[in-house]
């Protein structure tokens, strides 16, 4: 299983965990609005995307909390 860190490529997160797409679109909406998601999200790590968009640290923490909530629910549901 992929461990999600700030160095994880956004594309890999989407590929491994498609259920995180809603959260990714919420925080990285700029890339979707400007049709840059195919380019930017394949190349950028989560930290890189945060830096490009100048997302404040508090919002970054919220992002990881939301992602971890989704992934932990996924792990629990898959263990039954």
PDB file of N, CA and C in Angstrom:
ATOM      1  N   UNK A   1       0.839  -1.185   0.000  1.00  0.00           N
ATOM      2  CA  UNK A   1       0.000   0.000   0.000  1.00  0.00           C
ATOM      3  C   UNK A   1       0.884   1.248   0.000  1.00  0.00           C
ATOM      4  N   UNK A   2       0.479   2.221  -0.750  1.00  0.00           N
ATOM      5  CA  UNK A   2       1.207   3.479  -0.867  1.00  0.00           C
ATOM      6  C   UNK A   2       1.023   4.307   0.395  1.00  0.00           C
ATOM      7  N   UNK A   3       2.109   4.774   0.950  1.00  0.00           N
ATOM      8  CA  UNK A   3       2.029   5.681   2.097  1.00  0.00           C
ATOM      9  C   UNK A   3       1.961   7.099   1.542  1.00  0.00           C
ATOM     10  N   UNK A   4       0.958   7.844   1.951  1.00  0.00           N
ATOM     11  CA  UNK A   4       0.752   9.187   1.421  1.00  0.00           C
ATOM     12  C   UNK A   4       1.524  10.185   2.261  1.00  0.00           C
ATOM     13  N   UNK A   5       2.487  10.853   1.607  1.00  0.00           N
ATOM     14  CA  UNK A   5       3.266  11.906   2.258  1.00  0.00           C
ATOM     15  C   UNK A   5       3.219  13.132   1.356  1.00  0.00           C
ATOM     16  N   UNK A   6       3.811  14.205   1.801  1.00  0.00           N
ATOM     17  CA  UNK A   6       3.827  15.418   0.968  1.00  0.00           C
ATOM     18  C   UNK A   6       4.667  15.228  -0.289  1.00  0.00           C
ATOM     19  N   UNK A   7       5.509  14.212  -0.319  1.00  0.00           N
ATOM     20  CA  UNK A   7       6.334  13.935  -1.499  1.00  0.00           C
ATOM     21  C   UNK A   7       5.626  13.031  -2.516  1.00  0.00           C
ATOM     22  N   UNK A   8       4.470  12.492  -2.141  1.00  0.00           N
ATOM     23  CA  UNK A   8       3.691  11.652  -3.055  1.00  0.00           C
ATOM     24  C   UNK A   8       3.221  12.482  -4.240  1.00  0.00           C
ATOM     25  N   UNK A   9       3.382  11.956  -5.428  1.00  0.00           N
ATOM     26  CA  UNK A   9       2.873  12.639  -6.623  1.00  0.00           C
ATOM     27  C   UNK A   9       1.347  12.609  -6.575  1.00  0.00           C
ATOM     28  N   UNK A  10       0.738  13.728  -6.901  1.00  0.00           N
ATOM     29  CA  UNK A  10      -0.724  13.818  -6.878  1.00  0.00           C
ATOM     30  C   UNK A  10      -1.316  12.748  -7.792  1.00  0.00           C
ATOM     31  N   UNK A  11      -0.706  12.555  -8.950  1.00  0.00           N
ATOM     32  CA  UNK A  11      -1.175  11.562  -9.909  1.00  0.00           C
ATOM     33  C   UNK A  11      -1.190  10.156  -9.305  1.00  0.00           C
ATOM     34  N   UNK A  12      -0.141   9.813  -8.551  1.00  0.00           N
ATOM     35  CA  UNK A  12      -0.072   8.492  -7.935  1.00  0.00           C
ATOM     36  C   UNK A  12      -1.169   8.318  -6.892  1.00  0.00           C
ATOM     37  N   UNK A  13      -1.460   9.383  -6.174  1.00  0.00           N
ATOM     38  CA  UNK A  13      -2.533   9.330  -5.182  1.00  0.00           C
ATOM     39  C   UNK A  13      -3.863   9.043  -5.881  1.00  0.00           C
ATOM     40  N   UNK A  14      -4.118   9.752  -6.972  1.00  0.00           N
ATOM     41  CA  UNK A  14      -5.350   9.536  -7.741  1.00  0.00           C
ATOM     42  C   UNK A  14      -5.404   8.125  -8.334  1.00  0.00           C
ATOM     43  N   UNK A  15      -4.265   7.668  -8.802  1.00  0.00           N
ATOM     44  CA  UNK A  15      -4.194   6.351  -9.434  1.00  0.00           C
ATOM     45  C   UNK A  15      -4.420   5.231  -8.412  1.00  0.00           C
ATOM     46  N   UNK A  16      -3.780   5.332  -7.269  1.00  0.00           N
ATOM     47  CA  UNK A  16      -3.873   4.296  -6.240  1.00  0.00           C
ATOM     48  C   UNK A  16      -5.188   4.369  -5.459  1.00  0.00           C
ATOM     49  N   UNK A  17      -5.684   5.598  -5.263  1.00  0.00           N
ATOM     50  CA  UNK A  17      -6.866   5.812  -4.438  1.00  0.00           C
ATOM     51  C   UNK A  17      -7.834   6.762  -5.135  1.00  0.00           C
ATOM     52  N   UNK A  18      -8.553   6.277  -6.137  1.00  0.00           N
ATOM     53  CA  UNK A  18      -9.459   7.152  -6.887  1.00  0.00           C
ATOM     54  C   UNK A  18     -10.521   7.813  -6.010  1.00  0.00           C
ATOM     55  N   UNK A  19     -10.798   7.219  -4.852  1.00  0.00           N
ATOM     56  CA  UNK A  19     -11.784   7.788  -3.942  1.00  0.00           C
ATOM     57  C   UNK A  19     -11.344   9.124  -3.334  1.00  0.00           C
ATOM     58  N   UNK A  20     -10.067   9.482  -3.525  1.00  0.00           N
ATOM     59  CA  UNK A  20      -9.566  10.764  -3.009  1.00  0.00           C
ATOM     60  C   UNK A  20      -9.754  11.905  -4.002  1.00  0.00           C
ATOM     61  N   UNK A  21     -10.292  11.608  -5.183  1.00  0.00           N
ATOM     62  CA  UNK A  21     -10.395  12.617  -6.239  1.00  0.00           C
ATOM     63  C   UNK A  21     -11.179  13.860  -5.812  1.00  0.00           C
ATOM     64  N   UNK A  22     -12.248  13.675  -5.069  1.00  0.00           N
ATOM     65  CA  UNK A  22     -13.062  14.818  -4.644  1.00  0.00           C
ATOM     66  C   UNK A  22     -12.242  15.789  -3.785  1.00  0.00           C
ATOM     67  N   UNK A  23     -11.458  15.252  -2.882  1.00  0.00           N
ATOM     68  CA  UNK A  23     -10.610  16.092  -2.018  1.00  0.00           C
ATOM     69  C   UNK A  23      -9.530  16.772  -2.850  1.00  0.00           C
ATOM     70  N   UNK A  24      -8.936  16.047  -3.760  1.00  0.00           N
ATOM     71  CA  UNK A  24      -7.895  16.612  -4.620  1.00  0.00           C
ATOM     72  C   UNK A  24      -8.468  17.744  -5.474  1.00  0.00           C
ATOM     73  N   UNK A  25      -9.644  17.520  -6.037  1.00  0.00           N
ATOM     74  CA  UNK A  25     -10.275  18.581  -6.841  1.00  0.00           C
ATOM     75  C   UNK A  25     -10.597  19.810  -5.993  1.00  0.00           C
ATOM     76  N   UNK A  26     -10.964  19.589  -4.753  1.00  0.00           N
ATOM     77  CA  UNK A  26     -11.294  20.699  -3.849  1.00  0.00           C
ATOM     78  C   UNK A  26     -10.062  21.572  -3.585  1.00  0.00           C
ATOM     79  N   UNK A  27      -8.940  20.954  -3.279  1.00  0.00           N
ATOM     80  CA  UNK A  27      -7.745  21.712  -2.918  1.00  0.00           C
ATOM     81  C   UNK A  27      -6.943  22.182  -4.132  1.00  0.00           C
ATOM     82  N   UNK A  28      -7.010  21.436  -5.208  1.00  0.00           N
ATOM     83  CA  UNK A  28      -6.233  21.773  -6.396  1.00  0.00           C
ATOM     84  C   UNK A  28      -7.142  22.173  -7.559  1.00  0.00           C
ATOM     85  N   UNK A  29      -8.242  22.813  -7.228  1.00  0.00           N
ATOM     86  CA  UNK A  29      -9.251  23.196  -8.230  1.00  0.00           C
ATOM     87  C   UNK A  29      -8.675  24.098  -9.318  1.00  0.00           C
ATOM     88  N   UNK A  30      -7.675  24.903  -8.978  1.00  0.00           N
ATOM     89  CA  UNK A  30      -7.052  25.792  -9.965  1.00  0.00           C
ATOM     90  C   UNK A  30      -6.605  25.005 -11.192  1.00  0.00           C
ATOM     91  N   UNK A  31      -5.967  23.867 -10.958  1.00  0.00           N
ATOM     92  CA  UNK A  31      -5.455  23.060 -12.067  1.00  0.00           C
ATOM     93  C   UNK A  31      -6.591  22.530 -12.939  1.00  0.00           C
ATOM     94  N   UNK A  32      -7.693  22.171 -12.309  1.00  0.00           N
ATOM     95  CA  UNK A  32      -8.847  21.665 -13.061  1.00  0.00           C
ATOM     96  C   UNK A  32      -9.530  22.797 -13.820  1.00  0.00           C
ATOM     97  N   UNK A  33      -9.690  23.939 -13.171  1.00  0.00           N
ATOM     98  CA  UNK A  33     -10.352  25.085 -13.804  1.00  0.00           C
ATOM     99  C   UNK A  33      -9.600  25.576 -15.039  1.00  0.00           C
ATOM    100  N   UNK A  34      -8.269  25.460 -15.001  1.00  0.00           N
ATOM    101  CA  UNK A  34      -7.442  25.922 -16.112  1.00  0.00           C
ATOM    102  C   UNK A  34      -6.969  24.773 -17.005  1.00  0.00           C
ATOM    103  N   UNK A  35      -7.589  23.620 -16.816  1.00  0.00           N
ATOM    104  CA  UNK A  35      -7.300  22.425 -17.614  1.00  0.00           C
ATOM    105  C   UNK A  35      -5.813  22.056 -17.625  1.00  0.00           C
ATOM    106  N   UNK A  36      -5.222  22.176 -16.466  1.00  0.00           N
ATOM    107  CA  UNK A  36      -3.800  21.853 -16.312  1.00  0.00           C
ATOM    108  C   UNK A  36      -3.581  20.559 -15.536  1.00  0.00           C
ATOM    109  N   UNK A  37      -4.674  19.906 -15.146  1.00  0.00           N
ATOM    110  CA  UNK A  37      -4.527  18.745 -14.256  1.00  0.00           C
ATOM    111  C   UNK A  37      -3.691  17.635 -14.875  1.00  0.00           C
ATOM    112  N   UNK A  38      -3.823  17.413 -16.188  1.00  0.00           N
ATOM    113  CA  UNK A  38      -3.045  16.336 -16.814  1.00  0.00           C
ATOM    114  C   UNK A  38      -1.550  16.608 -16.755  1.00  0.00           C
ATOM    115  N   UNK A  39      -1.183  17.847 -16.881  1.00  0.00           N
ATOM    116  CA  UNK A  39       0.235  18.210 -16.855  1.00  0.00           C
ATOM    117  C   UNK A  39       0.724  18.367 -15.420  1.00  0.00           C
ATOM    118  N   UNK A  40       0.087  19.262 -14.686  1.00  0.00           N
ATOM    119  CA  UNK A  40       0.561  19.628 -13.351  1.00  0.00           C
ATOM    120  C   UNK A  40       0.479  18.471 -12.360  1.00  0.00           C
ATOM    121  N   UNK A  41      -0.658  17.798 -12.320  1.00  0.00           N
ATOM    122  CA  UNK A  41      -0.833  16.783 -11.287  1.00  0.00           C
ATOM    123  C   UNK A  41      -0.040  15.514 -11.555  1.00  0.00           C
ATOM    124  N   UNK A  42       0.396  15.300 -12.782  1.00  0.00           N
ATOM    125  CA  UNK A  42       1.258  14.155 -13.069  1.00  0.00           C
ATOM    126  C   UNK A  42       2.697  14.428 -12.643  1.00  0.00           C
ATOM    127  N   UNK A  43       3.072  15.688 -12.658  1.00  0.00           N
ATOM    128  CA  UNK A  43       4.468  16.031 -12.370  1.00  0.00           C
ATOM    129  C   UNK A  43       4.718  16.481 -10.945  1.00  0.00           C
ATOM    130  N   UNK A  44       3.702  17.087 -10.337  1.00  0.00           N
ATOM    131  CA  UNK A  44       3.907  17.691  -9.020  1.00  0.00           C
ATOM    132  C   UNK A  44       3.628  16.723  -7.875  1.00  0.00           C
ATOM    133  N   UNK A  45       4.444  16.859  -6.841  1.00  0.00           N
ATOM    134  CA  UNK A  45       4.136  16.169  -5.597  1.00  0.00           C
ATOM    135  C   UNK A  45       3.038  16.977  -4.907  1.00  0.00           C
ATOM    136  N   UNK A  46       2.479  16.420  -3.865  1.00  0.00           N
ATOM    137  CA  UNK A  46       1.462  17.154  -3.105  1.00  0.00           C
ATOM    138  C   UNK A  46       2.067  18.458  -2.596  1.00  0.00           C
ATOM    139  N   UNK A  47       3.272  18.388  -2.052  1.00  0.00           N
ATOM    140  CA  UNK A  47       3.948  19.591  -1.541  1.00  0.00           C
ATOM    141  C   UNK A  47       4.187  20.588  -2.676  1.00  0.00           C
ATOM    142  N   UNK A  48       4.607  20.102  -3.827  1.00  0.00           N
ATOM    143  CA  UNK A  48       4.853  20.975  -4.972  1.00  0.00           C
ATOM    144  C   UNK A  48       3.593  21.695  -5.403  1.00  0.00           C
ATOM    145  N   UNK A  49       2.473  20.980  -5.439  1.00  0.00           N
ATOM    146  CA  UNK A  49       1.197  21.590  -5.813  1.00  0.00           C
ATOM    147  C   UNK A  49       0.789  22.637  -4.783  1.00  0.00           C
ATOM    148  N   UNK A  50       0.994  22.335  -3.504  1.00  0.00           N
ATOM    149  CA  UNK A  50       0.700  23.313  -2.448  1.00  0.00           C
ATOM    150  C   UNK A  50       1.546  24.571  -2.638  1.00  0.00           C
ATOM    151  N   UNK A  51       2.822  24.382  -2.958  1.00  0.00           N
ATOM    152  CA  UNK A  51       3.725  25.526  -3.136  1.00  0.00           C
ATOM    153  C   UNK A  51       3.338  26.376  -4.339  1.00  0.00           C
ATOM    154  N   UNK A  52       3.016  25.730  -5.443  1.00  0.00           N
ATOM    155  CA  UNK A  52       2.624  26.458  -6.654  1.00  0.00           C
ATOM    156  C   UNK A  52       1.391  27.319  -6.374  1.00  0.00           C
ATOM    157  N   UNK A  53       0.448  26.748  -5.648  1.00  0.00           N
ATOM    158  CA  UNK A  53      -0.813  27.444  -5.367  1.00  0.00           C
ATOM    159  C   UNK A  53      -0.766  28.299  -4.098  1.00  0.00           C
ATOM    160  N   UNK A  54       0.382  28.262  -3.415  1.00  0.00           N
ATOM    161  CA  UNK A  54       0.574  29.026  -2.172  1.00  0.00           C
ATOM    162  C   UNK A  54      -0.530  28.733  -1.157  1.00  0.00           C
ATOM    163  N   UNK A  55      -0.791  27.454  -0.956  1.00  0.00           N
ATOM    164  CA  UNK A  55      -1.813  27.022  -0.001  1.00  0.00           C
ATOM    165  C   UNK A  55      -1.224  27.098   1.406  1.00  0.00           C
ATOM    166  N   UNK A  56      -1.923  27.797   2.306  1.00  0.00           N
ATOM    167  CA  UNK A  56      -1.420  27.961   3.677  1.00  0.00           C
ATOM    168  C   UNK A  56      -1.268  26.616   4.407  1.00  0.00           C
ATOM    169  N   UNK A  57      -0.375  26.604   5.372  1.00  0.00           N
ATOM    170  CA  UNK A  57      -0.060  25.380   6.104  1.00  0.00           C
ATOM    171  C   UNK A  57      -1.300  24.770   6.768  1.00  0.00           C
ATOM    172  N   UNK A  58      -2.174  25.615   7.299  1.00  0.00           N
ATOM    173  CA  UNK A  58      -3.383  25.111   7.956  1.00  0.00           C
ATOM    174  C   UNK A  58      -4.261  24.328   6.970  1.00  0.00           C
ATOM    175  N   UNK A  59      -4.391  24.841   5.758  1.00  0.00           N
ATOM    176  CA  UNK A  59      -5.165  24.153   4.717  1.00  0.00           C
ATOM    177  C   UNK A  59      -4.482  22.849   4.308  1.00  0.00           C
ATOM    178  N   UNK A  60      -3.151  22.855   4.309  1.00  0.00           N
ATOM    179  CA  UNK A  60      -2.412  21.643   3.978  1.00  0.00           C
ATOM    180  C   UNK A  60      -2.704  20.543   5.001  1.00  0.00           C
ATOM    181  N   UNK A  61      -2.749  20.935   6.269  1.00  0.00           N
ATOM    182  CA  UNK A  61      -3.066  19.969   7.331  1.00  0.00           C
ATOM    183  C   UNK A  61      -4.471  19.415   7.139  1.00  0.00           C
ATOM    184  N   UNK A  62      -5.407  20.289   6.788  1.00  0.00           N
ATOM    185  CA  UNK A  62      -6.787  19.854   6.545  1.00  0.00           C
ATOM    186  C   UNK A  62      -6.842  18.851   5.391  1.00  0.00           C
ATOM    187  N   UNK A  63      -6.063  19.122   4.344  1.00  0.00           N
ATOM    188  CA  UNK A  63      -6.000  18.209   3.196  1.00  0.00           C
ATOM    189  C   UNK A  63      -5.597  16.810   3.652  1.00  0.00           C
ATOM    190  N   UNK A  64      -4.507  16.717   4.418  1.00  0.00           N
ATOM    191  CA  UNK A  64      -4.023  15.407   4.859  1.00  0.00           C
ATOM    192  C   UNK A  64      -5.008  14.737   5.810  1.00  0.00           C
ATOM    193  N   UNK A  65      -5.690  15.522   6.639  1.00  0.00           N
ATOM    194  CA  UNK A  65      -6.709  14.955   7.520  1.00  0.00           C
ATOM    195  C   UNK A  65      -7.840  14.340   6.695  1.00  0.00           C
ATOM    196  N   UNK A  66      -8.291  15.054   5.675  1.00  0.00           N
ATOM    197  CA  UNK A  66      -9.366  14.550   4.826  1.00  0.00           C
ATOM    198  C   UNK A  66      -8.930  13.293   4.064  1.00  0.00           C
ATOM    199  N   UNK A  67      -7.724  13.327   3.520  1.00  0.00           N
ATOM    200  CA  UNK A  67      -7.201  12.166   2.796  1.00  0.00           C
ATOM    201  C   UNK A  67      -7.083  10.968   3.737  1.00  0.00           C
ATOM    202  N   UNK A  68      -6.528  11.183   4.920  1.00  0.00           N
ATOM    203  CA  UNK A  68      -6.362  10.086   5.879  1.00  0.00           C
ATOM    204  C   UNK A  68      -7.702   9.532   6.340  1.00  0.00           C
ATOM    205  N   UNK A  69      -8.704  10.395   6.485  1.00  0.00           N
ATOM    206  CA  UNK A  69     -10.041   9.914   6.844  1.00  0.00           C
ATOM    207  C   UNK A  69     -10.594   8.991   5.767  1.00  0.00           C
ATOM    208  N   UNK A  70     -10.442   9.379   4.528  1.00  0.00           N
ATOM    209  CA  UNK A  70     -10.914   8.555   3.411  1.00  0.00           C
ATOM    210  C   UNK A  70     -10.178   7.223   3.379  1.00  0.00           C
ATOM    211  N   UNK A  71      -8.864   7.286   3.501  1.00  0.00           N
ATOM    212  CA  UNK A  71      -8.060   6.068   3.394  1.00  0.00           C
ATOM    213  C   UNK A  71      -8.273   5.145   4.579  1.00  0.00           C
ATOM    214  N   UNK A  72      -8.455   5.693   5.769  1.00  0.00           N
ATOM    215  CA  UNK A  72      -8.677   4.836   6.929  1.00  0.00           C
ATOM    216  C   UNK A  72     -10.043   4.160   6.847  1.00  0.00           C
ATOM    217  N   UNK A  73     -11.048   4.844   6.318  1.00  0.00           N
ATOM    218  CA  UNK A  73     -12.357   4.217   6.114  1.00  0.00           C
ATOM    219  C   UNK A  73     -12.235   3.099   5.082  1.00  0.00           C
ATOM    220  N   UNK A  74     -11.434   3.332   4.064  1.00  0.00           N
ATOM    221  CA  UNK A  74     -11.219   2.349   3.009  1.00  0.00           C
ATOM    222  C   UNK A  74     -10.564   1.098   3.569  1.00  0.00           C
ATOM    223  N   UNK A  75      -9.591   1.265   4.414  1.00  0.00           N
ATOM    224  CA  UNK A  75      -8.880   0.134   5.020  1.00  0.00           C
ATOM    225  C   UNK A  75      -9.830  -0.668   5.897  1.00  0.00           C
ATOM    226  N   UNK A  76     -10.633   0.024   6.676  1.00  0.00           N
ATOM    227  CA  UNK A  76     -11.586  -0.646   7.577  1.00  0.00           C
ATOM    228  C   UNK A  76     -12.606  -1.435   6.763  1.00  0.00           C
ATOM    229  N   UNK A  77     -13.157  -0.816   5.725  1.00  0.00           N
ATOM    230  CA  UNK A  77     -14.184  -1.502   4.925  1.00  0.00           C
ATOM    231  C   UNK A  77     -13.596  -2.689   4.144  1.00  0.00           C
ATOM    232  N   UNK A  78     -12.343  -2.598   3.769  1.00  0.00           N
ATOM    233  CA  UNK A  78     -11.709  -3.697   3.022  1.00  0.00           C
ATOM    234  C   UNK A  78     -11.281  -4.855   3.932  1.00  0.00           C
ATOM    235  N   UNK A  79     -11.231  -4.615   5.225  1.00  0.00           N
ATOM    236  CA  UNK A  79     -10.775  -5.675   6.131  1.00  0.00           C
ATOM    237  C   UNK A  79     -11.910  -6.603   6.537  1.00  0.00           C
ATOM    238  N   UNK A  80     -13.126  -6.311   6.118  1.00  0.00           N
ATOM    239  CA  UNK A  80     -14.264  -7.177   6.445  1.00  0.00           C
ATOM    240  C   UNK A  80     -14.649  -8.068   5.312  1.00  0.00           C
TER     241      UNK A  80
END
